Amino acid sequence: MHTSLNPPDKFAETVRTFHGYISPGVIVGGYMVEKAKRELPVDILYDAVSETTHCLPDAIQLLTPCTLGNGWLRVVNLGRYALCLYDKENGNGVRVFLDPVKVEGWSHIGDWYLKRKPKKEQDTDALLDEIYRAGEEICGIRPIRIAARHLQTKRRGGIGIFPTCREAYPVNDGDICRGCRNADLYEGSPAA
């Protein structure tokens, strides 16, 4: 569903459709993604990392070809509102983050980002207005290089049928399928 941030109202409608509502986090993420994309060479294949599970992965999926489904987007939950886009081959790229120092000049953004006010007390319209006015101004950026161990593409290898759950699983996962290893995901038995 590769889209564009411009015009902002069109992107906002795309966010509403994809995310369920016009999320300030996805809108900010849109500015972050666009800033990162401009810093990459135009003719490379790149992957993405989101350092949070909240909202930012959706902005990456909407504005780049990187998705969780194709494996070009990884979420490494470090609890920081940051992303990186990097060359698949050599790991060189950029990291863009929501900069707390730059956010301080924007009261509604600061209240939202730094959780100074509960969500129900925030003025969403004023927050979105500030985000649109601030744009990329509230983002920091720096060059990065992804560690070599993270550049290796993991192959699933063969597929086996695990005897306990009788479901297919990647045999590279080991002697026990991950579903059975993490059997506490569901109450009761998930096996049919």
N, C-alpha and C. Protein backbone atom coordinates (compact mmCIF):
# COMPACT_ATOMS: atom_id res chain seq x y z
N MET A 1 0.84 -1.19 0.00
CA MET A 1 0.00 0.00 0.00
C MET A 1 0.87 1.24 0.00
N HIS A 2 1.95 1.20 -0.59
CA HIS A 2 2.94 2.26 -0.71
C HIS A 2 2.26 3.59 -1.08
N THR A 3 2.37 4.59 -0.22
CA THR A 3 1.71 5.87 -0.46
C THR A 3 2.71 7.01 -0.27
N SER A 4 2.23 8.23 -0.26
CA SER A 4 3.08 9.41 -0.11
C SER A 4 2.55 10.28 1.01
N LEU A 5 3.45 11.01 1.64
CA LEU A 5 3.07 11.91 2.73
C LEU A 5 2.39 13.17 2.21
N ASN A 6 2.62 13.50 0.95
CA ASN A 6 2.04 14.72 0.38
C ASN A 6 0.87 14.39 -0.52
N PRO A 7 -0.23 15.07 -0.47
CA PRO A 7 -0.54 16.10 0.51
C PRO A 7 -0.87 15.47 1.87
N PRO A 8 -0.61 16.22 2.96
CA PRO A 8 -0.81 15.66 4.30
C PRO A 8 -2.22 15.14 4.56
N ASP A 9 -3.25 15.80 4.01
CA ASP A 9 -4.62 15.36 4.28
C ASP A 9 -4.89 14.00 3.61
N LYS A 10 -4.27 13.76 2.46
CA LYS A 10 -4.43 12.46 1.82
C LYS A 10 -3.72 11.38 2.63
N PHE A 11 -2.52 11.70 3.13
CA PHE A 11 -1.81 10.75 3.98
C PHE A 11 -2.61 10.48 5.25
N ALA A 12 -3.20 11.52 5.83
CA ALA A 12 -4.00 11.35 7.04
C ALA A 12 -5.17 10.40 6.79
N GLU A 13 -5.80 10.50 5.64
CA GLU A 13 -6.91 9.60 5.32
C GLU A 13 -6.40 8.17 5.14
N THR A 14 -5.23 8.02 4.53
CA THR A 14 -4.63 6.69 4.39
C THR A 14 -4.33 6.11 5.77
N VAL A 15 -3.81 6.95 6.66
CA VAL A 15 -3.53 6.51 8.03
C VAL A 15 -4.82 6.06 8.70
N ARG A 16 -5.89 6.84 8.55
CA ARG A 16 -7.17 6.49 9.17
C ARG A 16 -7.63 5.11 8.68
N THR A 17 -7.53 4.88 7.40
CA THR A 17 -7.97 3.61 6.82
C THR A 17 -7.10 2.45 7.30
N PHE A 18 -5.79 2.64 7.31
CA PHE A 18 -4.87 1.56 7.64
C PHE A 18 -4.76 1.32 9.14
N HIS A 19 -4.66 2.38 9.92
CA HIS A 19 -4.36 2.31 11.35
C HIS A 19 -5.62 2.32 12.22
N GLY A 20 -6.73 2.77 11.65
CA GLY A 20 -7.97 2.82 12.40
C GLY A 20 -8.39 4.22 12.82
N TYR A 21 -7.46 5.13 12.88
CA TYR A 21 -7.74 6.54 13.19
C TYR A 21 -6.52 7.35 12.78
N ILE A 22 -6.65 8.66 12.74
CA ILE A 22 -5.51 9.51 12.38
C ILE A 22 -4.61 9.60 13.60
N SER A 23 -3.67 8.71 13.63
CA SER A 23 -2.75 8.59 14.76
C SER A 23 -1.63 9.61 14.69
N PRO A 24 -1.46 10.42 15.74
CA PRO A 24 -0.33 11.36 15.74
C PRO A 24 1.00 10.63 15.56
N GLY A 25 1.13 9.44 16.13
CA GLY A 25 2.38 8.68 16.01
C GLY A 25 2.68 8.26 14.59
N VAL A 26 1.66 7.90 13.83
CA VAL A 26 1.89 7.52 12.44
C VAL A 26 2.19 8.76 11.60
N ILE A 27 1.53 9.86 11.89
CA ILE A 27 1.80 11.10 11.15
C ILE A 27 3.24 11.56 11.40
N VAL A 28 3.68 11.58 12.66
CA VAL A 28 5.07 11.92 12.96
C VAL A 28 5.99 10.92 12.27
N GLY A 29 5.64 9.65 12.34
CA GLY A 29 6.43 8.62 11.68
C GLY A 29 6.57 8.86 10.20
N GLY A 30 5.53 9.40 9.59
CA GLY A 30 5.60 9.73 8.16
C GLY A 30 6.70 10.74 7.86
N TYR A 31 6.80 11.77 8.70
CA TYR A 31 7.87 12.75 8.52
C TYR A 31 9.24 12.10 8.74
N MET A 32 9.32 11.21 9.70
CA MET A 32 10.57 10.52 9.99
C MET A 32 11.01 9.66 8.80
N VAL A 33 10.06 8.91 8.24
CA VAL A 33 10.37 8.04 7.10
C VAL A 33 10.84 8.88 5.91
N GLU A 34 10.13 9.96 5.61
CA GLU A 34 10.50 10.79 4.47
C GLU A 34 11.90 11.39 4.65
N LYS A 35 12.21 11.81 5.86
CA LYS A 35 13.55 12.35 6.15
C LYS A 35 14.61 11.29 5.91
N ALA A 36 14.37 10.08 6.36
CA ALA A 36 15.33 8.99 6.18
C ALA A 36 15.50 8.64 4.70
N LYS A 37 14.38 8.54 3.98
CA LYS A 37 14.45 8.16 2.56
C LYS A 37 15.29 9.14 1.75
N ARG A 38 15.19 10.41 2.06
CA ARG A 38 15.94 11.42 1.31
C ARG A 38 17.45 11.28 1.49
N GLU A 39 17.87 10.67 2.60
CA GLU A 39 19.29 10.53 2.89
C GLU A 39 19.90 9.28 2.26
N LEU A 40 19.08 8.39 1.71
CA LEU A 40 19.59 7.16 1.10
C LEU A 40 19.87 7.37 -0.38
N PRO A 41 20.86 6.67 -0.93
CA PRO A 41 21.04 6.70 -2.38
C PRO A 41 19.76 6.21 -3.06
N VAL A 42 19.44 6.77 -4.21
CA VAL A 42 18.15 6.49 -4.84
C VAL A 42 18.01 5.08 -5.39
N ASP A 43 19.10 4.44 -5.76
CA ASP A 43 18.96 3.15 -6.43
C ASP A 43 19.47 1.97 -5.59
N ILE A 44 19.19 1.99 -4.30
CA ILE A 44 19.56 0.85 -3.47
C ILE A 44 18.30 0.14 -2.99
N LEU A 45 18.47 -1.10 -2.61
CA LEU A 45 17.42 -1.83 -1.90
C LEU A 45 17.70 -1.66 -0.43
N TYR A 46 16.69 -1.26 0.32
CA TYR A 46 16.90 -1.02 1.74
C TYR A 46 15.92 -1.80 2.59
N ASP A 47 16.34 -2.02 3.81
CA ASP A 47 15.51 -2.61 4.85
C ASP A 47 15.25 -1.54 5.90
N ALA A 48 14.33 -1.85 6.82
CA ALA A 48 13.97 -0.89 7.87
C ALA A 48 13.93 -1.59 9.22
N VAL A 49 14.21 -0.81 10.24
CA VAL A 49 14.06 -1.25 11.62
C VAL A 49 13.25 -0.18 12.34
N SER A 50 12.25 -0.62 13.09
CA SER A 50 11.52 0.27 13.99
C SER A 50 11.94 -0.09 15.40
N GLU A 51 12.26 0.90 16.20
CA GLU A 51 12.68 0.66 17.58
C GLU A 51 11.52 0.70 18.56
N THR A 52 10.30 0.69 18.04
CA THR A 52 9.10 0.64 18.87
C THR A 52 8.04 -0.18 18.17
N THR A 53 7.13 -0.73 18.94
CA THR A 53 6.00 -1.47 18.37
C THR A 53 4.83 -0.53 18.08
N HIS A 54 4.87 0.69 18.61
CA HIS A 54 3.72 1.59 18.55
C HIS A 54 3.78 2.53 17.35
N CYS A 55 2.83 2.42 16.46
CA CYS A 55 2.56 3.36 15.36
C CYS A 55 3.65 3.45 14.29
N LEU A 56 4.89 3.56 14.68
CA LEU A 56 5.97 3.77 13.72
C LEU A 56 6.06 2.66 12.66
N PRO A 57 5.87 1.38 13.02
CA PRO A 57 5.90 0.36 11.96
C PRO A 57 4.84 0.61 10.88
N ASP A 58 3.70 1.16 11.25
CA ASP A 58 2.67 1.45 10.25
C ASP A 58 3.12 2.54 9.28
N ALA A 59 3.78 3.58 9.79
CA ALA A 59 4.28 4.64 8.90
C ALA A 59 5.31 4.06 7.92
N ILE A 60 6.18 3.19 8.42
CA ILE A 60 7.19 2.57 7.55
C ILE A 60 6.50 1.74 6.47
N GLN A 61 5.50 0.96 6.86
CA GLN A 61 4.81 0.11 5.89
C GLN A 61 4.02 0.91 4.87
N LEU A 62 3.51 2.06 5.27
CA LEU A 62 2.73 2.89 4.34
C LEU A 62 3.61 3.65 3.35
N LEU A 63 4.82 4.02 3.75
CA LEU A 63 5.64 4.93 2.94
C LEU A 63 6.87 4.28 2.31
N THR A 64 7.09 3.01 2.55
CA THR A 64 8.22 2.31 1.95
C THR A 64 7.74 0.94 1.47
N PRO A 65 8.58 0.25 0.73
CA PRO A 65 8.24 -1.13 0.37
C PRO A 65 8.52 -2.12 1.51
N CYS A 66 8.99 -1.63 2.64
CA CYS A 66 9.36 -2.49 3.77
C CYS A 66 8.13 -2.83 4.60
N THR A 67 7.83 -4.11 4.71
CA THR A 67 6.70 -4.56 5.52
C THR A 67 7.13 -5.72 6.39
N LEU A 68 6.33 -5.98 7.42
CA LEU A 68 6.57 -7.16 8.24
C LEU A 68 6.40 -8.42 7.41
N GLY A 69 5.44 -8.39 6.51
CA GLY A 69 5.13 -9.56 5.70
C GLY A 69 6.23 -9.96 4.73
N ASN A 70 6.93 -8.98 4.13
CA ASN A 70 8.00 -9.35 3.20
C ASN A 70 9.35 -9.48 3.89
N GLY A 71 9.38 -9.20 5.20
CA GLY A 71 10.62 -9.37 5.96
C GLY A 71 11.60 -8.22 5.84
N TRP A 72 11.24 -7.16 5.15
CA TRP A 72 12.15 -6.02 4.99
C TRP A 72 12.04 -5.04 6.16
N LEU A 73 11.05 -5.24 7.02
CA LEU A 73 10.88 -4.43 8.22
C LEU A 73 11.00 -5.34 9.43
N ARG A 74 11.87 -4.95 10.33
CA ARG A 74 11.97 -5.66 11.61
C ARG A 74 11.63 -4.67 12.72
N VAL A 75 10.94 -5.17 13.72
CA VAL A 75 10.65 -4.38 14.90
C VAL A 75 11.53 -4.91 16.01
N VAL A 76 12.42 -4.06 16.49
CA VAL A 76 13.29 -4.38 17.61
C VAL A 76 12.86 -3.42 18.71
N ASN A 77 12.04 -3.90 19.62
CA ASN A 77 11.40 -3.01 20.59
C ASN A 77 12.39 -2.55 21.65
N LEU A 78 13.01 -1.40 21.37
CA LEU A 78 13.92 -0.78 22.32
C LEU A 78 13.21 0.29 23.14
N GLY A 79 11.92 0.51 22.84
CA GLY A 79 11.14 1.49 23.58
C GLY A 79 11.44 2.93 23.17
N ARG A 80 12.11 3.12 22.03
CA ARG A 80 12.44 4.47 21.57
C ARG A 80 11.70 4.74 20.27
N TYR A 81 11.27 5.99 20.10
CA TYR A 81 10.55 6.35 18.88
C TYR A 81 11.58 6.71 17.83
N ALA A 82 12.10 5.67 17.19
CA ALA A 82 13.16 5.83 16.20
C ALA A 82 13.05 4.74 15.16
N LEU A 83 13.60 5.03 13.98
CA LEU A 83 13.63 4.07 12.90
C LEU A 83 14.95 4.19 12.18
N CYS A 84 15.31 3.16 11.46
CA CYS A 84 16.44 3.30 10.55
C CYS A 84 16.10 2.62 9.25
N LEU A 85 16.62 3.20 8.19
CA LEU A 85 16.58 2.62 6.86
C LEU A 85 18.03 2.40 6.47
N TYR A 86 18.33 1.20 5.92
CA TYR A 86 19.71 0.90 5.62
C TYR A 86 19.83 0.01 4.39
N ASP A 87 20.95 0.14 3.71
CA ASP A 87 21.28 -0.65 2.53
C ASP A 87 21.34 -2.13 2.92
N LYS A 88 20.56 -2.95 2.23
CA LYS A 88 20.51 -4.39 2.53
C LYS A 88 21.87 -5.06 2.41
N GLU A 89 22.71 -4.55 1.51
CA GLU A 89 23.99 -5.20 1.23
C GLU A 89 25.07 -4.87 2.24
N ASN A 90 25.23 -3.58 2.54
CA ASN A 90 26.37 -3.20 3.37
C ASN A 90 25.99 -2.67 4.76
N GLY A 91 24.71 -2.50 5.02
CA GLY A 91 24.26 -2.05 6.35
C GLY A 91 24.37 -0.57 6.60
N ASN A 92 24.83 0.22 5.62
CA ASN A 92 24.94 1.67 5.80
C ASN A 92 23.57 2.31 5.66
N GLY A 93 23.27 3.22 6.56
CA GLY A 93 21.98 3.88 6.48
C GLY A 93 21.89 5.06 7.43
N VAL A 94 20.65 5.40 7.76
CA VAL A 94 20.40 6.51 8.67
C VAL A 94 19.39 6.10 9.73
N ARG A 95 19.54 6.71 10.87
CA ARG A 95 18.60 6.53 11.98
C ARG A 95 17.94 7.88 12.23
N VAL A 96 16.62 7.87 12.24
CA VAL A 96 15.85 9.09 12.51
C VAL A 96 15.07 8.86 13.80
N PHE A 97 15.07 9.85 14.66
CA PHE A 97 14.42 9.71 15.96
C PHE A 97 13.67 10.99 16.31
N LEU A 98 12.65 10.84 17.11
CA LEU A 98 11.92 11.99 17.62
C LEU A 98 12.78 12.57 18.75
N ASP A 99 13.28 13.77 18.54
CA ASP A 99 14.27 14.37 19.43
C ASP A 99 13.59 15.12 20.58
N PRO A 100 13.77 14.66 21.82
CA PRO A 100 13.12 15.31 22.96
C PRO A 100 13.50 16.78 23.11
N VAL A 101 14.71 17.15 22.75
CA VAL A 101 15.13 18.55 22.85
C VAL A 101 14.35 19.40 21.86
N LYS A 102 14.20 18.91 20.64
CA LYS A 102 13.48 19.66 19.60
C LYS A 102 11.98 19.69 19.85
N VAL A 103 11.47 18.70 20.54
CA VAL A 103 10.05 18.62 20.86
C VAL A 103 9.66 19.68 21.89
N GLU A 104 10.60 20.08 22.73
CA GLU A 104 10.30 21.02 23.81
C GLU A 104 9.67 22.32 23.33
N GLY A 105 9.94 22.75 22.14
CA GLY A 105 9.36 23.98 21.62
C GLY A 105 7.91 23.84 21.18
N TRP A 106 7.36 22.64 21.29
CA TRP A 106 6.00 22.36 20.84
C TRP A 106 5.22 21.75 22.00
N SER A 107 4.37 22.55 22.63
CA SER A 107 3.71 22.11 23.87
C SER A 107 2.84 20.87 23.69
N HIS A 108 2.02 20.84 22.66
CA HIS A 108 1.12 19.69 22.47
C HIS A 108 1.90 18.43 22.09
N ILE A 109 2.91 18.59 21.24
CA ILE A 109 3.74 17.43 20.88
C ILE A 109 4.46 16.93 22.12
N GLY A 110 5.01 17.83 22.90
CA GLY A 110 5.70 17.44 24.13
C GLY A 110 4.78 16.72 25.10
N ASP A 111 3.56 17.24 25.28
CA ASP A 111 2.60 16.57 26.17
C ASP A 111 2.28 15.16 25.70
N TRP A 112 2.17 15.00 24.38
CA TRP A 112 1.87 13.68 23.81
C TRP A 112 3.10 12.76 23.91
N TYR A 113 4.22 13.20 23.37
CA TYR A 113 5.41 12.35 23.27
C TYR A 113 5.99 12.01 24.64
N LEU A 114 6.07 12.98 25.51
CA LEU A 114 6.67 12.76 26.83
C LEU A 114 5.64 12.36 27.88
N LYS A 115 4.41 12.12 27.44
CA LYS A 115 3.32 11.63 28.31
C LYS A 115 3.12 12.53 29.53
N ARG A 116 3.18 13.85 29.29
CA ARG A 116 2.95 14.78 30.40
C ARG A 116 1.48 14.92 30.73
N LYS A 117 0.63 14.55 29.76
CA LYS A 117 -0.82 14.57 29.99
C LYS A 117 -1.38 13.23 29.53
N PRO A 118 -2.38 12.72 30.24
CA PRO A 118 -3.04 11.51 29.76
C PRO A 118 -3.69 11.78 28.40
N LYS A 119 -3.81 10.74 27.60
CA LYS A 119 -4.35 10.88 26.24
C LYS A 119 -5.71 11.58 26.24
N LYS A 120 -6.58 11.26 27.20
CA LYS A 120 -7.93 11.85 27.22
C LYS A 120 -7.91 13.35 27.51
N GLU A 121 -6.82 13.86 28.06
CA GLU A 121 -6.71 15.30 28.34
C GLU A 121 -6.00 16.06 27.21
N GLN A 122 -5.51 15.36 26.21
CA GLN A 122 -4.81 16.00 25.11
C GLN A 122 -5.80 16.51 24.07
N ASP A 123 -5.45 17.60 23.45
CA ASP A 123 -6.25 18.18 22.37
C ASP A 123 -5.69 17.64 21.05
N THR A 124 -6.33 16.59 20.51
CA THR A 124 -5.82 15.91 19.32
C THR A 124 -5.72 16.84 18.12
N ASP A 125 -6.71 17.70 17.92
CA ASP A 125 -6.65 18.63 16.78
C ASP A 125 -5.46 19.57 16.90
N ALA A 126 -5.23 20.11 18.10
CA ALA A 126 -4.10 21.01 18.31
C ALA A 126 -2.78 20.24 18.16
N LEU A 127 -2.76 19.01 18.63
CA LEU A 127 -1.57 18.17 18.50
C LEU A 127 -1.24 17.93 17.02
N LEU A 128 -2.24 17.52 16.25
CA LEU A 128 -2.01 17.27 14.83
C LEU A 128 -1.58 18.55 14.11
N ASP A 129 -2.19 19.68 14.48
CA ASP A 129 -1.80 20.96 13.88
C ASP A 129 -0.32 21.24 14.16
N GLU A 130 0.13 21.03 15.39
CA GLU A 130 1.54 21.24 15.70
C GLU A 130 2.44 20.29 14.92
N ILE A 131 2.02 19.03 14.81
CA ILE A 131 2.82 18.06 14.07
C ILE A 131 2.98 18.51 12.63
N TYR A 132 1.90 18.95 12.00
CA TYR A 132 1.97 19.41 10.61
C TYR A 132 2.86 20.64 10.48
N ARG A 133 2.79 21.54 11.45
CA ARG A 133 3.62 22.75 11.39
C ARG A 133 5.09 22.43 11.66
N ALA A 134 5.33 21.52 12.60
CA ALA A 134 6.72 21.17 12.95
C ALA A 134 7.37 20.31 11.87
N GLY A 135 6.60 19.40 11.29
CA GLY A 135 7.15 18.51 10.27
C GLY A 135 8.40 17.80 10.76
N GLU A 136 9.43 17.83 9.96
CA GLU A 136 10.69 17.14 10.27
C GLU A 136 11.53 17.88 11.29
N GLU A 137 11.15 19.10 11.61
CA GLU A 137 11.93 19.94 12.53
C GLU A 137 12.14 19.26 13.89
N ILE A 138 11.26 18.38 14.29
CA ILE A 138 11.35 17.74 15.61
C ILE A 138 12.12 16.42 15.57
N CYS A 139 12.69 16.11 14.42
CA CYS A 139 13.40 14.85 14.24
C CYS A 139 14.91 15.05 14.23
N GLY A 140 15.60 14.14 14.87
CA GLY A 140 17.06 14.09 14.77
C GLY A 140 17.42 13.01 13.76
N ILE A 141 18.64 13.08 13.23
CA ILE A 141 19.09 12.09 12.26
C ILE A 141 20.59 11.89 12.43
N ARG A 142 21.02 10.66 12.22
CA ARG A 142 22.45 10.39 12.22
C ARG A 142 22.74 9.17 11.35
N PRO A 143 23.93 9.10 10.77
CA PRO A 143 24.28 7.92 9.98
C PRO A 143 24.50 6.72 10.91
N ILE A 144 24.21 5.54 10.40
CA ILE A 144 24.41 4.31 11.18
C ILE A 144 24.95 3.23 10.25
N ARG A 145 25.41 2.17 10.87
CA ARG A 145 25.77 0.95 10.15
C ARG A 145 25.20 -0.20 10.98
N ILE A 146 24.37 -1.00 10.36
CA ILE A 146 23.77 -2.16 11.02
C ILE A 146 24.87 -3.19 11.27
N ALA A 147 24.87 -3.79 12.44
CA ALA A 147 25.85 -4.82 12.77
C ALA A 147 25.72 -5.98 11.80
N ALA A 148 26.85 -6.54 11.40
CA ALA A 148 26.89 -7.59 10.37
C ALA A 148 25.97 -8.76 10.70
N ARG A 149 25.86 -9.14 11.95
CA ARG A 149 25.02 -10.30 12.30
C ARG A 149 23.54 -10.06 11.99
N HIS A 150 23.15 -8.80 11.90
CA HIS A 150 21.76 -8.48 11.58
C HIS A 150 21.52 -8.36 10.08
N LEU A 151 22.57 -8.37 9.29
CA LEU A 151 22.43 -8.30 7.84
C LEU A 151 22.14 -9.66 7.23
N GLN A 152 22.46 -10.71 7.94
CA GLN A 152 22.27 -12.04 7.40
C GLN A 152 20.79 -12.38 7.33
N THR A 153 20.38 -12.81 6.15
CA THR A 153 18.99 -13.20 5.97
C THR A 153 18.81 -14.60 6.56
N LYS A 154 17.84 -14.75 7.40
CA LYS A 154 17.56 -16.05 7.99
C LYS A 154 16.69 -16.84 7.02
N ARG A 155 17.11 -18.02 6.74
CA ARG A 155 16.35 -18.92 5.88
C ARG A 155 15.55 -19.87 6.75
N ARG A 156 14.34 -20.16 6.30
CA ARG A 156 13.49 -21.06 7.07
C ARG A 156 13.95 -22.50 6.98
N GLY A 157 14.62 -22.86 5.90
CA GLY A 157 15.04 -24.24 5.74
C GLY A 157 13.85 -25.12 5.44
N GLY A 158 13.97 -26.38 5.80
CA GLY A 158 12.89 -27.31 5.54
C GLY A 158 11.71 -27.11 6.47
N ILE A 159 10.62 -27.72 6.09
CA ILE A 159 9.39 -27.66 6.89
C ILE A 159 9.09 -29.07 7.37
N GLY A 160 8.78 -29.18 8.64
CA GLY A 160 8.42 -30.47 9.22
C GLY A 160 7.06 -30.39 9.86
N ILE A 161 6.53 -31.53 10.25
CA ILE A 161 5.27 -31.58 10.99
C ILE A 161 5.62 -32.00 12.41
N PHE A 162 5.27 -31.14 13.38
CA PHE A 162 5.60 -31.46 14.76
C PHE A 162 4.54 -32.41 15.31
N PRO A 163 4.95 -33.51 15.94
CA PRO A 163 3.99 -34.53 16.34
C PRO A 163 2.97 -34.09 17.40
N THR A 164 3.34 -33.18 18.30
CA THR A 164 2.42 -32.79 19.37
C THR A 164 1.24 -31.98 18.83
N CYS A 165 1.53 -30.93 18.06
CA CYS A 165 0.46 -30.05 17.56
C CYS A 165 -0.01 -30.46 16.16
N ARG A 166 0.76 -31.29 15.50
CA ARG A 166 0.46 -31.76 14.14
C ARG A 166 0.36 -30.60 13.15
N GLU A 167 1.22 -29.59 13.35
CA GLU A 167 1.25 -28.45 12.44
C GLU A 167 2.64 -28.31 11.83
N ALA A 168 2.69 -27.66 10.66
CA ALA A 168 3.96 -27.43 9.97
C ALA A 168 4.75 -26.35 10.70
N TYR A 169 6.08 -26.57 10.75
CA TYR A 169 6.96 -25.58 11.39
C TYR A 169 8.33 -25.65 10.72
N PRO A 170 9.11 -24.53 10.75
CA PRO A 170 10.45 -24.54 10.17
C PRO A 170 11.37 -25.43 11.01
N VAL A 171 11.97 -26.44 10.41
CA VAL A 171 12.83 -27.36 11.16
C VAL A 171 14.07 -26.67 11.70
N ASN A 172 14.46 -25.52 11.13
CA ASN A 172 15.58 -24.76 11.67
C ASN A 172 15.29 -24.22 13.06
N ASP A 173 14.02 -24.26 13.48
CA ASP A 173 13.66 -23.78 14.82
C ASP A 173 14.12 -24.73 15.92
N GLY A 174 14.49 -25.96 15.57
CA GLY A 174 14.96 -26.91 16.56
C GLY A 174 14.04 -28.11 16.68
N ASP A 175 14.21 -28.84 17.77
CA ASP A 175 13.47 -30.07 17.97
C ASP A 175 12.01 -29.86 18.35
N ILE A 176 11.70 -28.66 18.84
CA ILE A 176 10.32 -28.36 19.27
C ILE A 176 9.86 -27.11 18.52
N CYS A 177 8.66 -27.17 17.95
CA CYS A 177 8.16 -25.99 17.24
C CYS A 177 7.97 -24.85 18.25
N ARG A 178 8.10 -23.62 17.76
CA ARG A 178 7.99 -22.46 18.66
C ARG A 178 6.61 -22.36 19.29
N GLY A 179 5.58 -22.77 18.58
CA GLY A 179 4.23 -22.72 19.15
C GLY A 179 4.09 -23.62 20.37
N CYS A 180 4.66 -24.82 20.28
CA CYS A 180 4.60 -25.73 21.43
C CYS A 180 5.55 -25.30 22.54
N ARG A 181 6.68 -24.71 22.16
CA ARG A 181 7.64 -24.21 23.14
C ARG A 181 7.04 -23.07 23.95
N ASN A 182 6.20 -22.26 23.31
CA ASN A 182 5.55 -21.12 23.96
C ASN A 182 4.06 -21.42 24.15
N ALA A 183 3.79 -22.58 24.70
CA ALA A 183 2.41 -23.06 24.80
C ALA A 183 1.51 -22.18 25.66
N ASP A 184 2.09 -21.25 26.42
CA ASP A 184 1.28 -20.40 27.28
C ASP A 184 0.65 -19.23 26.53
N LEU A 185 0.81 -19.16 25.20
CA LEU A 185 0.20 -18.08 24.42
C LEU A 185 -1.32 -18.14 24.50
N TYR A 186 -1.86 -19.35 24.46
CA TYR A 186 -3.33 -19.53 24.50
C TYR A 186 -3.72 -20.29 25.75
N GLU A 187 -4.92 -20.01 26.23
CA GLU A 187 -5.46 -20.81 27.32
C GLU A 187 -6.04 -22.07 26.69
N GLY A 188 -5.89 -23.19 27.34
CA GLY A 188 -6.35 -24.44 26.76
C GLY A 188 -5.40 -24.87 25.66
N SER A 189 -5.76 -25.84 24.91
CA SER A 189 -4.91 -26.36 23.85
C SER A 189 -5.28 -25.73 22.51
N PRO A 190 -4.31 -25.08 21.82
CA PRO A 190 -4.63 -24.51 20.51
C PRO A 190 -4.71 -25.56 19.41
N ALA A 191 -4.21 -26.78 19.69
CA ALA A 191 -4.23 -27.84 18.69
C ALA A 191 -5.66 -28.31 18.46
N ALA A 192 -5.98 -28.58 17.21
CA ALA A 192 -7.34 -29.00 16.87
C ALA A 192 -7.63 -30.40 17.35
